[in-house]
Protein backbone atom coordinates (compact mmCIF):
# COMPACT_ATOMS: atom_id res chain seq x y z
CA UNK A 1 32.90 43.35 -52.30
CA UNK A 2 34.61 46.57 -51.94
CA UNK A 3 37.77 47.46 -54.12
CA UNK A 4 39.91 47.27 -51.02
CA UNK A 5 38.80 43.56 -50.29
CA UNK A 6 39.33 42.75 -54.30
CA UNK A 7 42.90 44.16 -53.96
CA UNK A 8 43.71 42.37 -50.87
CA UNK A 9 42.69 39.13 -52.48
CA UNK A 10 44.83 39.76 -55.22
CA UNK A 11 48.06 40.90 -53.43
CA UNK A 12 47.45 37.78 -51.22
CA UNK A 13 46.96 35.22 -53.61
CA UNK A 14 49.79 36.20 -56.08
CA UNK A 15 52.49 36.61 -53.04
CA UNK A 16 53.65 34.69 -49.98
CA UNK A 17 51.67 35.29 -46.73
CA UNK A 18 51.91 35.22 -42.97
CA UNK A 19 48.44 33.03 -42.79
CA UNK A 20 50.08 30.81 -39.92
CA UNK A 21 53.42 32.28 -39.25
CA UNK A 22 53.75 35.06 -36.62
CA UNK A 23 56.27 37.60 -37.68
CA UNK A 24 57.01 38.75 -34.12
CA UNK A 25 57.91 35.38 -32.72
CA UNK A 26 59.29 33.87 -35.87
CA UNK A 27 57.18 30.58 -35.63
CA UNK A 28 53.90 29.11 -36.24
CA UNK A 29 50.89 30.98 -35.92
CA UNK A 30 47.10 30.78 -36.42
CA UNK A 31 45.12 31.78 -39.06
CA UNK A 32 42.38 32.82 -36.37
CA UNK A 33 44.66 35.92 -35.49
CA UNK A 34 43.98 37.48 -38.82
CA UNK A 35 40.47 38.72 -38.15
CA UNK A 36 39.98 38.28 -34.41
CA UNK A 37 41.32 41.54 -33.38
CA UNK A 38 39.35 43.61 -36.22
CA UNK A 39 36.19 41.85 -35.08
CA UNK A 40 36.65 42.37 -31.36
CA UNK A 41 37.37 46.11 -31.93
CA UNK A 42 34.19 45.94 -34.17
CA UNK A 43 31.75 44.00 -32.00
CA UNK A 44 33.26 44.58 -28.33
CA UNK A 45 33.29 40.69 -27.87
CA UNK A 46 35.89 38.89 -25.96
CA UNK A 47 37.04 36.65 -28.78
CA UNK A 48 36.03 35.82 -32.39
CA UNK A 49 36.87 33.32 -35.37
CA UNK A 50 35.75 32.21 -38.79
CA UNK A 51 34.54 29.24 -40.62
CA UNK A 52 33.50 28.95 -44.01
CA UNK A 53 29.83 29.74 -43.98
CA UNK A 54 26.88 30.61 -41.12
CA UNK A 55 25.71 27.16 -41.48
CA UNK A 56 29.13 25.74 -40.41
CA UNK A 57 28.94 27.97 -37.48
CA UNK A 58 25.85 26.86 -36.43
CA UNK A 59 26.81 23.01 -36.52
CA UNK A 60 30.24 23.50 -35.03
CA UNK A 61 28.70 25.39 -32.01
CA UNK A 62 26.08 22.64 -31.58
CA UNK A 63 28.45 19.88 -32.08
CA UNK A 64 30.84 21.21 -29.47
CA UNK A 65 28.70 22.19 -26.60
CA UNK A 66 25.47 20.42 -27.38
CA UNK A 67 26.47 16.77 -28.52
CA UNK A 68 23.79 14.37 -27.15
CA UNK A 69 22.46 17.23 -24.95
CA UNK A 70 19.41 19.08 -25.66
CA UNK A 71 19.03 22.63 -27.08
CA UNK A 72 16.10 24.94 -26.48
CA UNK A 73 14.52 26.69 -29.20
CA UNK A 74 10.97 28.30 -30.01
CA UNK A 75 8.82 26.67 -32.72
CA UNK A 76 8.42 30.06 -34.26
CA UNK A 77 12.42 30.00 -35.04
CA UNK A 78 12.72 26.85 -36.51
CA UNK A 79 13.83 28.31 -39.84
CA UNK A 80 14.60 27.13 -43.23
CA UNK A 81 17.11 29.37 -45.50
CA UNK A 82 17.75 29.02 -49.06
CA UNK A 83 19.11 25.62 -50.49
CA UNK A 84 16.74 23.92 -47.87
CA UNK A 85 18.88 24.51 -44.79
CA UNK A 86 16.88 23.85 -41.61
CA UNK A 87 17.97 24.40 -38.18
CA UNK A 88 16.20 21.25 -36.90
CA UNK A 89 18.42 19.32 -39.65
CA UNK A 90 21.72 20.95 -38.66
CA UNK A 91 20.83 20.03 -35.17
CA UNK A 92 20.11 16.49 -35.90
CA UNK A 93 23.31 16.15 -38.07
CA UNK A 94 25.18 17.51 -35.13
CA UNK A 95 23.87 15.20 -32.83
CA UNK A 96 22.15 17.65 -30.50
CA UNK A 97 18.56 16.86 -29.20
CA UNK A 98 15.98 19.39 -30.21
CA UNK A 99 13.69 20.50 -27.55
CA UNK A 100 11.14 22.68 -29.10
CA UNK A 101 9.06 25.13 -26.85
CA UNK A 102 6.24 27.90 -27.36
CA UNK A 103 3.97 27.98 -30.46
CA UNK A 104 4.74 29.21 -33.98
CA UNK A 105 3.49 32.66 -33.46
CA UNK A 106 4.00 32.76 -29.60
CA UNK A 107 6.54 31.85 -27.19
CA UNK A 108 7.05 32.59 -23.66
CA UNK A 109 9.41 33.31 -21.20
CA UNK A 110 8.24 30.49 -19.06
CA UNK A 111 8.30 28.17 -21.75
CA UNK A 112 12.04 28.17 -21.81
CA UNK A 113 11.88 28.04 -18.01
CA UNK A 114 9.95 24.98 -17.93
CA UNK A 115 12.19 23.01 -20.61
CA UNK A 116 15.46 23.83 -18.83
CA UNK A 117 17.03 20.46 -16.84
CA UNK A 118 20.21 18.88 -16.24
CA UNK A 119 20.35 17.80 -19.82
CA UNK A 120 19.96 21.54 -21.35
CA UNK A 121 23.13 22.69 -23.11
CA UNK A 122 21.92 25.55 -24.93
CA UNK A 123 19.18 28.13 -25.07
CA UNK A 124 19.19 29.19 -28.67
CA UNK A 125 17.82 32.15 -30.68
CA UNK A 126 17.45 32.54 -34.01
CA UNK A 127 16.84 35.89 -35.70
CA UNK A 128 14.26 35.85 -38.26
CA UNK A 129 16.48 37.30 -41.08
CA UNK A 130 14.58 35.86 -44.11
CA UNK A 131 11.15 35.87 -43.02
CA UNK A 132 8.76 38.03 -40.64
CA UNK A 133 6.03 37.00 -38.42
CA UNK A 134 3.02 39.46 -38.00
CA UNK A 135 -0.36 39.77 -36.08
CA UNK A 136 -0.90 38.06 -32.81
CA UNK A 137 2.69 37.10 -31.75
CA UNK A 138 5.08 37.22 -28.91
CA UNK A 139 8.66 36.34 -28.50
CA UNK A 140 11.42 36.56 -26.01
CA UNK A 141 14.37 39.03 -26.36
CA UNK A 142 18.00 37.82 -25.95
CA UNK A 143 18.41 39.89 -22.75
CA UNK A 144 15.57 37.89 -21.02
CA UNK A 145 17.26 34.74 -22.29
CA UNK A 146 20.58 35.87 -20.72
CA UNK A 147 19.00 36.59 -17.29
CA UNK A 148 17.29 33.72 -17.35
CA UNK A 149 20.61 31.41 -17.93
CA UNK A 150 22.21 33.24 -15.29
CA UNK A 151 19.28 32.30 -13.05
CA UNK A 152 20.01 28.63 -13.51
CA UNK A 153 23.54 29.01 -13.66
CA UNK A 154 23.65 26.59 -16.57
CA UNK A 155 22.90 26.92 -20.27
CA UNK A 156 24.76 28.85 -22.74
CA UNK A 157 23.11 31.36 -24.79
CA UNK A 158 23.65 31.16 -28.43
CA UNK A 159 22.05 33.70 -31.03
CA UNK A 160 22.16 32.68 -34.77
CA UNK A 161 21.54 36.19 -36.46
CA UNK A 162 21.62 34.74 -39.94
CA UNK A 163 22.57 37.90 -42.44
CA UNK A 164 24.46 39.86 -39.15
CA UNK A 165 25.14 43.56 -39.50
CA UNK A 166 27.88 45.77 -38.55
CA UNK A 167 26.34 48.89 -39.62
CA UNK A 168 23.01 50.31 -38.37
CA UNK A 169 21.08 50.77 -41.36
CA UNK A 170 18.05 52.20 -39.56
CA UNK A 171 15.42 50.04 -41.03
CA UNK A 172 13.74 46.91 -40.20
CA UNK A 173 14.40 45.06 -37.27
CA UNK A 174 17.98 43.93 -37.98
CA UNK A 175 20.34 44.00 -35.28
CA UNK A 176 23.42 45.47 -34.94
CA UNK A 177 26.00 42.94 -33.74
CA UNK A 178 27.65 45.11 -31.16
CA UNK A 179 24.38 45.70 -29.64
CA UNK A 180 23.56 42.03 -29.20
CA UNK A 181 27.08 41.20 -27.62
CA UNK A 182 26.12 44.06 -24.95
CA UNK A 183 23.21 41.93 -23.99
CA UNK A 184 25.72 39.42 -22.15
CA UNK A 185 24.95 36.49 -24.71
CA UNK A 186 27.60 33.95 -24.78
CA UNK A 187 27.98 33.15 -28.41
CA UNK A 188 26.95 35.10 -31.63
CA UNK A 189 27.17 33.61 -35.30
CA UNK A 190 26.55 35.50 -38.65
CA UNK A 191 27.25 35.78 -42.34
CA UNK A 192 30.36 37.68 -43.64
CA UNK A 193 28.56 38.41 -46.91
CA UNK A 194 25.10 39.29 -46.98
CA UNK A 195 24.70 42.44 -45.18
CA UNK A 196 28.42 42.87 -44.05
CA UNK A 197 29.31 42.80 -47.80
CA UNK A 198 32.42 40.75 -47.69
CA UNK A 199 33.34 37.24 -48.72
CA UNK A 200 31.31 34.12 -47.84
CA UNK A 201 32.28 33.12 -44.27
CA UNK A 202 30.57 32.32 -40.84
CA UNK A 203 31.60 34.68 -38.27
CA UNK A 204 31.54 33.43 -34.52
CA UNK A 205 31.79 36.04 -31.69
CA UNK A 206 31.46 35.62 -27.90
CA UNK A 207 33.21 34.73 -24.67
CA UNK A 208 36.99 33.64 -24.97
CA UNK A 209 36.69 30.56 -22.88
CA UNK A 210 34.01 29.35 -25.63
CA UNK A 211 35.81 30.48 -28.56
CA UNK A 212 39.04 28.79 -27.60
CA UNK A 213 37.07 25.38 -27.28
CA UNK A 214 35.64 25.92 -30.63
CA UNK A 215 39.12 26.68 -32.16
CA UNK A 216 40.57 23.49 -30.55
CA UNK A 217 37.62 21.42 -31.94
CA UNK A 218 38.96 18.92 -34.78
CA UNK A 219 35.84 20.31 -36.94
CA UNK A 220 37.29 23.43 -36.91
CA UNK A 221 40.02 22.53 -39.23
CA UNK A 222 37.51 20.94 -41.57
CA UNK A 223 35.29 24.02 -41.67
CA UNK A 224 38.43 26.44 -42.00
CA UNK A 225 38.53 29.20 -44.56
CA UNK A 226 41.55 29.82 -47.09
CA UNK A 227 44.09 33.05 -46.97
CA UNK A 228 41.70 34.43 -50.13
CA UNK A 229 38.73 34.63 -47.84
CA UNK A 230 40.46 35.91 -44.90
CA UNK A 231 42.17 38.34 -46.95
CA UNK A 232 38.94 40.00 -48.32
CA UNK A 233 37.18 39.73 -44.87
CA UNK A 234 40.17 41.60 -43.35
CA UNK A 235 40.04 44.41 -45.82
CA UNK A 236 36.21 44.59 -45.58
CA UNK A 237 36.58 45.02 -41.78
CA UNK A 238 39.04 47.54 -42.10
CA UNK A 239 36.55 49.76 -44.23
CA UNK A 240 34.11 49.66 -41.22
CA UNK A 241 36.70 50.24 -38.65
CA UNK A 242 37.87 53.20 -40.61
CA UNK A 243 34.12 54.39 -41.11
CA UNK A 244 34.53 54.03 -45.21
CA UNK A 245 31.09 52.82 -45.40
CA UNK A 246 30.61 54.29 -48.77
CA UNK A 247 33.41 51.72 -49.97
CA UNK A 248 31.16 48.72 -49.00
CA UNK A 249 28.70 48.42 -52.01
CA UNK A 250 26.21 46.69 -50.30
CA UNK A 251 25.82 49.65 -47.52
CA UNK A 252 26.59 52.29 -50.52
CA UNK A 253 23.47 50.86 -52.69
CA UNK A 254 21.25 50.31 -49.89
CA UNK A 255 21.76 53.93 -48.80
CA UNK A 256 21.68 55.49 -52.27
CA UNK A 257 19.58 58.60 -52.36
CA UNK A 258 17.05 59.02 -55.06
CA UNK A 259 18.70 62.06 -56.88
CA UNK A 260 21.78 59.85 -57.50
CA UNK A 261 19.56 56.92 -58.86
CA UNK A 262 18.07 59.52 -61.09
CA UNK A 263 21.57 60.94 -62.21
CA UNK A 264 22.34 57.19 -63.14
CA UNK A 265 19.28 56.86 -65.20
CA UNK A 266 20.00 60.11 -67.12
CA UNK A 267 23.47 59.23 -67.91
CA UNK A 268 22.29 55.85 -69.47
CA UNK A 269 19.45 57.48 -71.73
CA UNK A 270 21.67 60.13 -72.68
CA UNK A 271 23.63 57.53 -75.02
CA UNK A 272 20.15 57.23 -77.08
CA UNK A 273 19.16 59.78 -79.91
CA UNK A 274 15.57 60.21 -79.97
CA UNK A 275 15.49 60.63 -83.61
CA UNK A 276 16.50 57.28 -84.72
CA UNK A 277 15.92 55.25 -81.55
CA UNK A 278 14.08 51.91 -81.31
CA UNK A 279 13.89 52.08 -77.64
CA UNK A 280 11.09 53.55 -75.55
CA UNK A 281 12.03 54.79 -72.03
CA UNK A 282 10.01 55.79 -68.90
CA UNK A 283 11.35 56.81 -65.52
CA UNK A 284 8.88 55.13 -63.01
CA UNK A 285 8.59 55.22 -58.85
CA UNK A 286 9.15 51.61 -57.40
CA UNK A 287 10.77 49.79 -54.49
CA UNK A 288 14.05 48.05 -54.23
CA UNK A 289 13.91 44.87 -52.03
CA UNK A 290 17.06 44.73 -49.69
CA UNK A 291 17.25 40.79 -50.34
CA UNK A 292 15.51 37.53 -49.86
CA UNK A 293 18.02 36.42 -47.08
CA UNK A 294 17.97 39.83 -45.14
CA UNK A 295 15.70 42.41 -43.81
CA UNK A 296 12.37 40.42 -44.99
CA UNK A 297 9.43 42.69 -45.84
CA UNK A 298 11.93 45.98 -46.25
CA UNK A 299 11.60 47.70 -49.41
CA UNK A 300 13.24 51.03 -50.01
CA UNK A 301 11.87 53.79 -52.61
CA UNK A 302 13.84 54.00 -55.89
CA UNK A 303 13.46 54.86 -59.20
CA UNK A 304 13.35 52.37 -62.43
CA UNK A 305 13.51 52.85 -66.07
CA UNK A 306 10.71 50.85 -68.01
CA UNK A 307 11.75 49.65 -71.25
CA UNK A 308 9.97 49.04 -74.49
CA UNK A 309 11.51 48.22 -77.92
CA UNK A 310 9.30 48.95 -81.13
CA UNK A 311 9.91 45.68 -82.65
CA UNK A 312 10.43 43.38 -79.62
CA UNK A 313 7.95 42.13 -76.81
CA UNK A 314 9.01 42.65 -73.17
CA UNK A 315 9.57 38.69 -72.77
CA UNK A 316 12.14 38.57 -75.77
CA UNK A 317 13.86 41.49 -74.39
CA UNK A 318 14.36 40.32 -71.00
CA UNK A 319 15.43 36.88 -72.62
CA UNK A 320 18.07 38.71 -74.72
CA UNK A 321 19.38 41.05 -71.94
CA UNK A 322 19.97 37.84 -69.65
CA UNK A 323 21.58 35.69 -72.41
CA UNK A 324 24.16 38.07 -73.62
CA UNK A 325 27.68 38.31 -73.39
CA UNK A 326 27.58 40.53 -70.41
CA UNK A 327 24.29 39.06 -69.02
CA UNK A 328 21.84 41.68 -67.33
CA UNK A 329 19.12 40.57 -65.07
CA UNK A 330 16.09 43.16 -65.30
CA UNK A 331 12.68 42.86 -63.74
CA UNK A 332 9.83 41.95 -65.87
CA UNK A 333 6.58 43.29 -64.64
CA UNK A 334 3.25 44.04 -66.50
CA UNK A 335 4.89 43.65 -70.00
CA UNK A 336 7.82 46.13 -69.24
CA UNK A 337 11.30 45.47 -68.60
CA UNK A 338 12.35 47.32 -65.61
CA UNK A 339 16.02 48.57 -64.64
CA UNK A 340 16.68 49.57 -61.25
CA UNK A 341 19.74 51.87 -61.13
CA UNK A 342 20.15 51.55 -57.36
CA UNK A 343 22.42 48.42 -57.98
CA UNK A 344 23.87 49.81 -61.41
CA UNK A 345 26.94 51.79 -61.14
CA UNK A 346 28.49 54.45 -63.05
CA UNK A 347 30.90 51.98 -64.37
CA UNK A 348 28.21 49.60 -65.49
CA UNK A 349 26.42 52.00 -67.47
CA UNK A 350 28.82 51.92 -70.84
CA UNK A 351 28.63 48.26 -71.06
CA UNK A 352 24.88 47.98 -70.79
CA UNK A 353 24.18 50.83 -73.44
CA UNK A 354 26.47 48.68 -75.34
CA UNK A 355 24.18 45.43 -74.71
CA UNK A 356 20.96 47.71 -75.47
CA UNK A 357 22.31 48.77 -79.01
CA UNK A 358 23.39 45.46 -79.92
CA UNK A 359 19.58 44.26 -79.59
CA UNK A 360 17.88 44.57 -82.72
């Protein structure tokens, strides 16, 4: 997380806070207000709230608005994310009724339209944040679903963005949250960590009437976040509002130019004497993967440092780096240990140098 977020957590954790106290009125307040103002300004939504992760957000929305009612969703969006979290399973647990439409690779507007009946509560769209479908495919946009819902004056439109992004990375098909709100969708949920670069949290934004209903649900207390999480999220959102994007490590590292990566590599290799050195270094072109749960298939050009040792094989080096006092997680490819300096800061370099020099 950003240094501002870390500092804010420390300040709130070590002192009294106005988590649920309204300083203006001098009476009990609500913890939802702390981040709601910032989220409304950043996304253009009418209201907002935060729960402990995006899975909780999905569950709360389905339980509140679709208990024992139908949720229409494309078969191509019945995803599973890390930790075996499945949309279909969370629907079952929330007591919502799954109504699948279309096929794995192609879903049309008429598929949704034919599924709508008096038991339909939600038309749900799930962004493919951790996989990609290519080839003979067809999907319906959020805007098309919004127009369909208006036609029938009935179901809510809810989009689960998964990772979520408040910054336009201009790569892949990751939608910016504010653009999704502009389509007229009723509710949107996404993660506070992942691409946003804040603490683990599930953020829900959308129509005020619906958010208020979620806030009043008994499950909201079960799923609420603590003051440290809210402090970190508040500071992170503040970085976005002030357009301090370089202060957010996620944005900084994804956007880091090749020339800066090369400088970091040289700072590292300069610590080793070529006349008496057991290490052999070689700079190679490679690619950084954004993440397993965000921007599937997107790779960013980078430079890596291929590392070899005069006396140790690559698997031994890889293991010793990983199991040291300051664990270093490197890539292992074609009998080379690779270090991608895109995610190694200048502050990290002395620590890594010390670890390398201790390996005999």
